[in-house]
């Protein structure tokens, strides 16, 4: 399965800062399962808490640690997402 196919599933992988973070909160509030891709575990956990809080009681969000500047980290994250969601 390609990454495009993976993202076509009713989940969205978004960054844990900036506009992607704000979009993650809005999507979670709309009932979309959100996966936050973050380099820092501590910042990612803070972002995850904020997304879950913004999404309300039924929010579904998870954290995927990934450094997009490191090809091996991206490869490992993609493999983890495939194992979990495919």
PDB file of N, CA and C in Angstrom:
ATOM      1  N   UNK A   1       0.844  -1.169   0.000  1.00  0.00           N
ATOM      2  CA  UNK A   1       0.000   0.000   0.000  1.00  0.00           C
ATOM      3  C   UNK A   1       0.894   1.238   0.000  1.00  0.00           C
ATOM      4  N   UNK A   2       0.550   2.198  -0.843  1.00  0.00           N
ATOM      5  CA  UNK A   2       1.323   3.438  -0.911  1.00  0.00           C
ATOM      6  C   UNK A   2       0.879   4.395   0.194  1.00  0.00           C
ATOM      7  N   UNK A   3       1.687   5.406   0.443  1.00  0.00           N
ATOM      8  CA  UNK A   3       1.324   6.403   1.440  1.00  0.00           C
ATOM      9  C   UNK A   3       0.049   7.130   1.031  1.00  0.00           C
ATOM     10  N   UNK A   4      -0.112   7.392  -0.268  1.00  0.00           N
ATOM     11  CA  UNK A   4      -1.332   8.050  -0.739  1.00  0.00           C
ATOM     12  C   UNK A   4      -2.558   7.203  -0.420  1.00  0.00           C
ATOM     13  N   UNK A   5      -2.462   5.900  -0.608  1.00  0.00           N
ATOM     14  CA  UNK A   5      -3.578   5.008  -0.271  1.00  0.00           C
ATOM     15  C   UNK A   5      -3.822   5.003   1.225  1.00  0.00           C
ATOM     16  N   UNK A   6      -2.742   5.020   1.990  1.00  0.00           N
ATOM     17  CA  UNK A   6      -2.866   5.027   3.439  1.00  0.00           C
ATOM     18  C   UNK A   6      -3.588   6.292   3.907  1.00  0.00           C
ATOM     19  N   UNK A   7      -3.239   7.430   3.329  1.00  0.00           N
ATOM     20  CA  UNK A   7      -3.872   8.684   3.724  1.00  0.00           C
ATOM     21  C   UNK A   7      -5.303   8.788   3.231  1.00  0.00           C
ATOM     22  N   UNK A   8      -5.647   8.026   2.204  1.00  0.00           N
ATOM     23  CA  UNK A   8      -7.010   8.052   1.690  1.00  0.00           C
ATOM     24  C   UNK A   8      -7.989   7.428   2.671  1.00  0.00           C
ATOM     25  N   UNK A   9      -7.483   6.601   3.577  1.00  0.00           N
ATOM     26  CA  UNK A   9      -8.322   6.043   4.627  1.00  0.00           C
ATOM     27  C   UNK A   9      -8.771   7.220   5.496  1.00  0.00           C
ATOM     28  N   UNK A  10      -9.859   7.102   6.200  1.00  0.00           N
ATOM     29  CA  UNK A  10     -10.447   8.216   6.939  1.00  0.00           C
ATOM     30  C   UNK A  10      -9.602   8.599   8.141  1.00  0.00           C
ATOM     31  N   UNK A  11      -8.355   8.850   7.911  1.00  0.00           N
ATOM     32  CA  UNK A  11      -7.405   9.326   8.918  1.00  0.00           C
ATOM     33  C   UNK A  11      -6.498  10.326   8.225  1.00  0.00           C
ATOM     34  N   UNK A  12      -6.001  11.245   8.973  1.00  0.00           N
ATOM     35  CA  UNK A  12      -5.100  12.238   8.404  1.00  0.00           C
ATOM     36  C   UNK A  12      -3.855  12.358   9.268  1.00  0.00           C
ATOM     37  N   UNK A  13      -2.681  12.350   8.652  1.00  0.00           N
ATOM     38  CA  UNK A  13      -1.414  12.531   9.359  1.00  0.00           C
ATOM     39  C   UNK A  13      -1.044  14.002   9.229  1.00  0.00           C
ATOM     40  N   UNK A  14      -0.881  14.662  10.364  1.00  0.00           N
ATOM     41  CA  UNK A  14      -0.624  16.094  10.377  1.00  0.00           C
ATOM     42  C   UNK A  14       0.521  16.421  11.330  1.00  0.00           C
ATOM     43  N   UNK A  15       1.195  17.555  11.112  1.00  0.00           N
ATOM     44  CA  UNK A  15       2.267  17.945  12.019  1.00  0.00           C
ATOM     45  C   UNK A  15       1.718  18.388  13.373  1.00  0.00           C
ATOM     46  N   UNK A  16       2.572  18.414  14.374  1.00  0.00           N
ATOM     47  CA  UNK A  16       2.133  18.775  15.727  1.00  0.00           C
ATOM     48  C   UNK A  16       2.382  20.240  16.045  1.00  0.00           C
ATOM     49  N   UNK A  17       2.579  21.060  15.022  1.00  0.00           N
ATOM     50  CA  UNK A  17       2.736  22.492  15.238  1.00  0.00           C
ATOM     51  C   UNK A  17       2.230  23.238  14.008  1.00  0.00           C
ATOM     52  N   UNK A  18       2.078  24.530  14.154  1.00  0.00           N
ATOM     53  CA  UNK A  18       1.686  25.375  13.037  1.00  0.00           C
ATOM     54  C   UNK A  18       0.280  25.106  12.540  1.00  0.00           C
ATOM     55  N   UNK A  19       0.074  25.388  11.265  1.00  0.00           N
ATOM     56  CA  UNK A  19      -1.254  25.271  10.686  1.00  0.00           C
ATOM     57  C   UNK A  19      -1.750  23.822  10.687  1.00  0.00           C
ATOM     58  N   UNK A  20      -0.843  22.865  10.552  1.00  0.00           N
ATOM     59  CA  UNK A  20      -1.241  21.458  10.589  1.00  0.00           C
ATOM     60  C   UNK A  20      -1.812  21.061  11.933  1.00  0.00           C
ATOM     61  N   UNK A  21      -1.253  21.619  13.005  1.00  0.00           N
ATOM     62  CA  UNK A  21      -1.748  21.359  14.351  1.00  0.00           C
ATOM     63  C   UNK A  21      -3.161  21.906  14.506  1.00  0.00           C
ATOM     64  N   UNK A  22      -3.383  23.120  14.025  1.00  0.00           N
ATOM     65  CA  UNK A  22      -4.715  23.720  14.126  1.00  0.00           C
ATOM     66  C   UNK A  22      -5.721  22.955  13.266  1.00  0.00           C
ATOM     67  N   UNK A  23      -5.284  22.509  12.108  1.00  0.00           N
ATOM     68  CA  UNK A  23      -6.146  21.682  11.263  1.00  0.00           C
ATOM     69  C   UNK A  23      -6.466  20.358  11.957  1.00  0.00           C
ATOM     70  N   UNK A  24      -5.489  19.780  12.639  1.00  0.00           N
ATOM     71  CA  UNK A  24      -5.712  18.525  13.371  1.00  0.00           C
ATOM     72  C   UNK A  24      -6.803  18.705  14.414  1.00  0.00           C
ATOM     73  N   UNK A  25      -6.789  19.826  15.130  1.00  0.00           N
ATOM     74  CA  UNK A  25      -7.817  20.077  16.139  1.00  0.00           C
ATOM     75  C   UNK A  25      -9.195  20.182  15.501  1.00  0.00           C
ATOM     76  N   UNK A  26      -9.286  20.873  14.375  1.00  0.00           N
ATOM     77  CA  UNK A  26     -10.568  21.030  13.681  1.00  0.00           C
ATOM     78  C   UNK A  26     -11.078  19.691  13.145  1.00  0.00           C
ATOM     79  N   UNK A  27     -10.178  18.904  12.571  1.00  0.00           N
ATOM     80  CA  UNK A  27     -10.587  17.598  12.036  1.00  0.00           C
ATOM     81  C   UNK A  27     -11.024  16.660  13.155  1.00  0.00           C
ATOM     82  N   UNK A  28     -10.308  16.674  14.276  1.00  0.00           N
ATOM     83  CA  UNK A  28     -10.689  15.835  15.408  1.00  0.00           C
ATOM     84  C   UNK A  28     -12.076  16.221  15.908  1.00  0.00           C
ATOM     85  N   UNK A  29     -12.350  17.521  15.955  1.00  0.00           N
ATOM     86  CA  UNK A  29     -13.664  17.997  16.391  1.00  0.00           C
ATOM     87  C   UNK A  29     -14.760  17.580  15.411  1.00  0.00           C
ATOM     88  N   UNK A  30     -14.377  17.360  14.147  1.00  0.00           N
ATOM     89  CA  UNK A  30     -15.342  16.945  13.118  1.00  0.00           C
ATOM     90  C   UNK A  30     -15.488  15.423  13.040  1.00  0.00           C
ATOM     91  N   UNK A  31     -14.762  14.704  13.898  1.00  0.00           N
ATOM     92  CA  UNK A  31     -14.896  13.253  13.937  1.00  0.00           C
ATOM     93  C   UNK A  31     -13.893  12.473  13.119  1.00  0.00           C
ATOM     94  N   UNK A  32     -12.891  13.151  12.579  1.00  0.00           N
ATOM     95  CA  UNK A  32     -11.858  12.476  11.794  1.00  0.00           C
ATOM     96  C   UNK A  32     -10.775  11.967  12.743  1.00  0.00           C
ATOM     97  N   UNK A  33     -10.335  10.723  12.564  1.00  0.00           N
ATOM     98  CA  UNK A  33      -9.214  10.209  13.349  1.00  0.00           C
ATOM     99  C   UNK A  33      -7.945  10.874  12.845  1.00  0.00           C
ATOM    100  N   UNK A  34      -7.186  11.443  13.758  1.00  0.00           N
ATOM    101  CA  UNK A  34      -6.003  12.227  13.412  1.00  0.00           C
ATOM    102  C   UNK A  34      -4.752  11.533  13.940  1.00  0.00           C
ATOM    103  N   UNK A  35      -3.714  11.524  13.131  1.00  0.00           N
ATOM    104  CA  UNK A  35      -2.405  11.015  13.547  1.00  0.00           C
ATOM    105  C   UNK A  35      -1.438  12.191  13.476  1.00  0.00           C
ATOM    106  N   UNK A  36      -0.841  12.533  14.603  1.00  0.00           N
ATOM    107  CA  UNK A  36       0.117  13.632  14.647  1.00  0.00           C
ATOM    108  C   UNK A  36       1.517  13.095  14.403  1.00  0.00           C
ATOM    109  N   UNK A  37       2.178  13.615  13.396  1.00  0.00           N
ATOM    110  CA  UNK A  37       3.558  13.244  13.113  1.00  0.00           C
ATOM    111  C   UNK A  37       4.488  14.270  13.734  1.00  0.00           C
ATOM    112  N   UNK A  38       5.260  13.855  14.742  1.00  0.00           N
ATOM    113  CA  UNK A  38       6.100  14.787  15.493  1.00  0.00           C
ATOM    114  C   UNK A  38       7.498  14.216  15.698  1.00  0.00           C
ATOM    115  N   UNK A  39       8.467  15.111  15.729  1.00  0.00           N
ATOM    116  CA  UNK A  39       9.849  14.694  15.978  1.00  0.00           C
ATOM    117  C   UNK A  39      10.119  14.543  17.479  1.00  0.00           C
ATOM    118  N   UNK A  40       9.554  15.423  18.270  1.00  0.00           N
ATOM    119  CA  UNK A  40       9.791  15.438  19.712  1.00  0.00           C
ATOM    120  C   UNK A  40       8.652  14.739  20.446  1.00  0.00           C
ATOM    121  N   UNK A  41       8.992  13.756  21.273  1.00  0.00           N
ATOM    122  CA  UNK A  41       7.958  13.022  22.009  1.00  0.00           C
ATOM    123  C   UNK A  41       7.215  13.934  22.978  1.00  0.00           C
ATOM    124  N   UNK A  42       7.936  14.784  23.685  1.00  0.00           N
ATOM    125  CA  UNK A  42       7.278  15.653  24.668  1.00  0.00           C
ATOM    126  C   UNK A  42       6.364  16.673  23.991  1.00  0.00           C
ATOM    127  N   UNK A  43       6.828  17.298  22.913  1.00  0.00           N
ATOM    128  CA  UNK A  43       5.967  18.245  22.183  1.00  0.00           C
ATOM    129  C   UNK A  43       4.798  17.517  21.534  1.00  0.00           C
ATOM    130  N   UNK A  44       5.054  16.315  21.063  1.00  0.00           N
ATOM    131  CA  UNK A  44       3.985  15.521  20.456  1.00  0.00           C
ATOM    132  C   UNK A  44       2.904  15.163  21.453  1.00  0.00           C
ATOM    133  N   UNK A  45       3.314  14.805  22.656  1.00  0.00           N
ATOM    134  CA  UNK A  45       2.324  14.459  23.686  1.00  0.00           C
ATOM    135  C   UNK A  45       1.491  15.674  24.085  1.00  0.00           C
ATOM    136  N   UNK A  46       2.125  16.845  24.152  1.00  0.00           N
ATOM    137  CA  UNK A  46       1.386  18.077  24.442  1.00  0.00           C
ATOM    138  C   UNK A  46       0.377  18.357  23.335  1.00  0.00           C
ATOM    139  N   UNK A  47       0.814  18.211  22.087  1.00  0.00           N
ATOM    140  CA  UNK A  47      -0.078  18.450  20.949  1.00  0.00           C
ATOM    141  C   UNK A  47      -1.218  17.431  20.937  1.00  0.00           C
ATOM    142  N   UNK A  48      -0.905  16.185  21.237  1.00  0.00           N
ATOM    143  CA  UNK A  48      -1.925  15.132  21.263  1.00  0.00           C
ATOM    144  C   UNK A  48      -2.998  15.454  22.301  1.00  0.00           C
ATOM    145  N   UNK A  49      -2.578  15.871  23.489  1.00  0.00           N
ATOM    146  CA  UNK A  49      -3.528  16.236  24.533  1.00  0.00           C
ATOM    147  C   UNK A  49      -4.423  17.377  24.055  1.00  0.00           C
ATOM    148  N   UNK A  50      -3.835  18.391  23.418  1.00  0.00           N
ATOM    149  CA  UNK A  50      -4.611  19.538  22.939  1.00  0.00           C
ATOM    150  C   UNK A  50      -5.608  19.123  21.857  1.00  0.00           C
ATOM    151  N   UNK A  51      -5.206  18.234  20.960  1.00  0.00           N
ATOM    152  CA  UNK A  51      -6.101  17.766  19.894  1.00  0.00           C
ATOM    153  C   UNK A  51      -7.253  16.966  20.493  1.00  0.00           C
ATOM    154  N   UNK A  52      -6.950  16.075  21.427  1.00  0.00           N
ATOM    155  CA  UNK A  52      -8.002  15.285  22.066  1.00  0.00           C
ATOM    156  C   UNK A  52      -8.969  16.179  22.833  1.00  0.00           C
ATOM    157  N   UNK A  53      -8.446  17.178  23.494  1.00  0.00           N
ATOM    158  CA  UNK A  53      -9.294  18.113  24.237  1.00  0.00           C
ATOM    159  C   UNK A  53     -10.190  18.895  23.273  1.00  0.00           C
ATOM    160  N   UNK A  54      -9.627  19.377  22.184  1.00  0.00           N
ATOM    161  CA  UNK A  54     -10.401  20.143  21.197  1.00  0.00           C
ATOM    162  C   UNK A  54     -11.448  19.281  20.515  1.00  0.00           C
ATOM    163  N   UNK A  55     -11.137  17.992  20.346  1.00  0.00           N
ATOM    164  CA  UNK A  55     -12.049  17.088  19.650  1.00  0.00           C
ATOM    165  C   UNK A  55     -13.222  16.632  20.489  1.00  0.00           C
ATOM    166  N   UNK A  56     -13.132  16.775  21.791  1.00  0.00           N
ATOM    167  CA  UNK A  56     -14.239  16.370  22.655  1.00  0.00           C
ATOM    168  C   UNK A  56     -14.211  14.894  22.986  1.00  0.00           C
ATOM    169  N   UNK A  57     -15.309  14.432  23.561  1.00  0.00           N
ATOM    170  CA  UNK A  57     -15.389  13.076  24.113  1.00  0.00           C
ATOM    171  C   UNK A  57     -15.106  11.978  23.096  1.00  0.00           C
ATOM    172  N   UNK A  58     -15.529  12.129  21.874  1.00  0.00           N
ATOM    173  CA  UNK A  58     -15.347  11.069  20.888  1.00  0.00           C
ATOM    174  C   UNK A  58     -14.101  11.200  20.023  1.00  0.00           C
ATOM    175  N   UNK A  59     -13.234  12.142  20.365  1.00  0.00           N
ATOM    176  CA  UNK A  59     -12.051  12.388  19.530  1.00  0.00           C
ATOM    177  C   UNK A  59     -11.125  11.182  19.497  1.00  0.00           C
ATOM    178  N   UNK A  60     -10.559  10.938  18.323  1.00  0.00           N
ATOM    179  CA  UNK A  60      -9.589   9.863  18.136  1.00  0.00           C
ATOM    180  C   UNK A  60      -8.321  10.463  17.543  1.00  0.00           C
ATOM    181  N   UNK A  61      -7.236  10.366  18.277  1.00  0.00           N
ATOM    182  CA  UNK A  61      -5.965  10.890  17.792  1.00  0.00           C
ATOM    183  C   UNK A  61      -4.840  10.055  18.379  1.00  0.00           C
ATOM    184  N   UNK A  62      -3.751   9.990  17.644  1.00  0.00           N
ATOM    185  CA  UNK A  62      -2.582   9.256  18.114  1.00  0.00           C
ATOM    186  C   UNK A  62      -1.327   9.996  17.676  1.00  0.00           C
ATOM    187  N   UNK A  63      -0.209   9.560  18.201  1.00  0.00           N
ATOM    188  CA  UNK A  63       1.075  10.195  17.951  1.00  0.00           C
ATOM    189  C   UNK A  63       1.992   9.245  17.203  1.00  0.00           C
ATOM    190  N   UNK A  64       2.621   9.743  16.154  1.00  0.00           N
ATOM    191  CA  UNK A  64       3.607   8.990  15.391  1.00  0.00           C
ATOM    192  C   UNK A  64       4.910   9.801  15.428  1.00  0.00           C
ATOM    193  N   UNK A  65       5.924   9.262  16.086  1.00  0.00           N
ATOM    194  CA  UNK A  65       7.204   9.962  16.153  1.00  0.00           C
ATOM    195  C   UNK A  65       7.948   9.781  14.836  1.00  0.00           C
ATOM    196  N   UNK A  66       8.289  10.901  14.203  1.00  0.00           N
ATOM    197  CA  UNK A  66       8.976  10.856  12.914  1.00  0.00           C
ATOM    198  C   UNK A  66       9.757  12.145  12.704  1.00  0.00           C
ATOM    199  N   UNK A  67      10.972  11.998  12.182  1.00  0.00           N
ATOM    200  CA  UNK A  67      11.796  13.138  11.792  1.00  0.00           C
ATOM    201  C   UNK A  67      11.812  13.137  10.271  1.00  0.00           C
ATOM    202  N   UNK A  68      11.065  14.043   9.658  1.00  0.00           N
ATOM    203  CA  UNK A  68      10.920  14.017   8.207  1.00  0.00           C
ATOM    204  C   UNK A  68      12.204  14.370   7.465  1.00  0.00           C
ATOM    205  N   UNK A  69      13.227  14.861   8.176  1.00  0.00           N
ATOM    206  CA  UNK A  69      14.512  15.136   7.535  1.00  0.00           C
ATOM    207  C   UNK A  69      15.403  13.894   7.499  1.00  0.00           C
ATOM    208  N   UNK A  70      14.953  12.803   8.115  1.00  0.00           N
ATOM    209  CA  UNK A  70      15.722  11.561   8.192  1.00  0.00           C
ATOM    210  C   UNK A  70      14.969  10.451   7.447  1.00  0.00           C
ATOM    211  N   UNK A  71      15.463  10.041   6.269  1.00  0.00           N
ATOM    212  CA  UNK A  71      14.762   9.030   5.479  1.00  0.00           C
ATOM    213  C   UNK A  71      14.477   7.735   6.256  1.00  0.00           C
ATOM    214  N   UNK A  72      15.394   7.320   7.114  1.00  0.00           N
ATOM    215  CA  UNK A  72      15.173   6.091   7.882  1.00  0.00           C
ATOM    216  C   UNK A  72      14.014   6.273   8.870  1.00  0.00           C
ATOM    217  N   UNK A  73      13.931   7.443   9.479  1.00  0.00           N
ATOM    218  CA  UNK A  73      12.828   7.734  10.406  1.00  0.00           C
ATOM    219  C   UNK A  73      11.492   7.718   9.666  1.00  0.00           C
ATOM    220  N   UNK A  74      11.468   8.273   8.473  1.00  0.00           N
ATOM    221  CA  UNK A  74      10.241   8.284   7.667  1.00  0.00           C
ATOM    222  C   UNK A  74       9.850   6.859   7.292  1.00  0.00           C
ATOM    223  N   UNK A  75      10.830   6.063   6.901  1.00  0.00           N
ATOM    224  CA  UNK A  75      10.583   4.664   6.535  1.00  0.00           C
ATOM    225  C   UNK A  75      10.005   3.892   7.727  1.00  0.00           C
ATOM    226  N   UNK A  76      10.607   4.069   8.903  1.00  0.00           N
ATOM    227  CA  UNK A  76      10.126   3.382  10.107  1.00  0.00           C
ATOM    228  C   UNK A  76       8.714   3.833  10.478  1.00  0.00           C
ATOM    229  N   UNK A  77       8.449   5.131  10.364  1.00  0.00           N
ATOM    230  CA  UNK A  77       7.111   5.643  10.676  1.00  0.00           C
ATOM    231  C   UNK A  77       6.078   5.063   9.707  1.00  0.00           C
ATOM    232  N   UNK A  78       6.418   5.009   8.434  1.00  0.00           N
ATOM    233  CA  UNK A  78       5.489   4.454   7.438  1.00  0.00           C
ATOM    234  C   UNK A  78       5.204   2.983   7.725  1.00  0.00           C
ATOM    235  N   UNK A  79       6.232   2.229   8.086  1.00  0.00           N
ATOM    236  CA  UNK A  79       6.032   0.818   8.417  1.00  0.00           C
ATOM    237  C   UNK A  79       5.138   0.672   9.642  1.00  0.00           C
ATOM    238  N   UNK A  80       5.347   1.513  10.648  1.00  0.00           N
ATOM    239  CA  UNK A  80       4.517   1.477  11.845  1.00  0.00           C
ATOM    240  C   UNK A  80       3.063   1.817  11.536  1.00  0.00           C
ATOM    241  N   UNK A  81       2.854   2.814  10.690  1.00  0.00           N
ATOM    242  CA  UNK A  81       1.487   3.181  10.309  1.00  0.00           C
ATOM    243  C   UNK A  81       0.817   2.050   9.544  1.00  0.00           C
ATOM    244  N   UNK A  82       1.555   1.412   8.658  1.00  0.00           N
ATOM    245  CA  UNK A  82       0.987   0.267   7.918  1.00  0.00           C
ATOM    246  C   UNK A  82       0.579  -0.856   8.871  1.00  0.00           C
ATOM    247  N   UNK A  83       1.459  -1.174   9.817  1.00  0.00           N
ATOM    248  CA  UNK A  83       1.141  -2.252  10.780  1.00  0.00           C
ATOM    249  C   UNK A  83      -0.096  -1.911  11.614  1.00  0.00           C
ATOM    250  N   UNK A  84      -0.226  -0.669  11.981  1.00  0.00           N
ATOM    251  CA  UNK A  84      -1.315  -0.257  12.861  1.00  0.00           C
ATOM    252  C   UNK A  84      -2.632  -0.057  12.131  1.00  0.00           C
ATOM    253  N   UNK A  85      -2.589   0.518  10.939  1.00  0.00           N
ATOM    254  CA  UNK A  85      -3.818   0.954  10.302  1.00  0.00           C
ATOM    255  C   UNK A  85      -4.224   0.218   9.031  1.00  0.00           C
ATOM    256  N   UNK A  86      -3.404  -0.689   8.566  1.00  0.00           N
ATOM    257  CA  UNK A  86      -3.758  -1.382   7.318  1.00  0.00           C
ATOM    258  C   UNK A  86      -4.044  -2.838   7.617  1.00  0.00           C
TER     259      UNK A  86
END
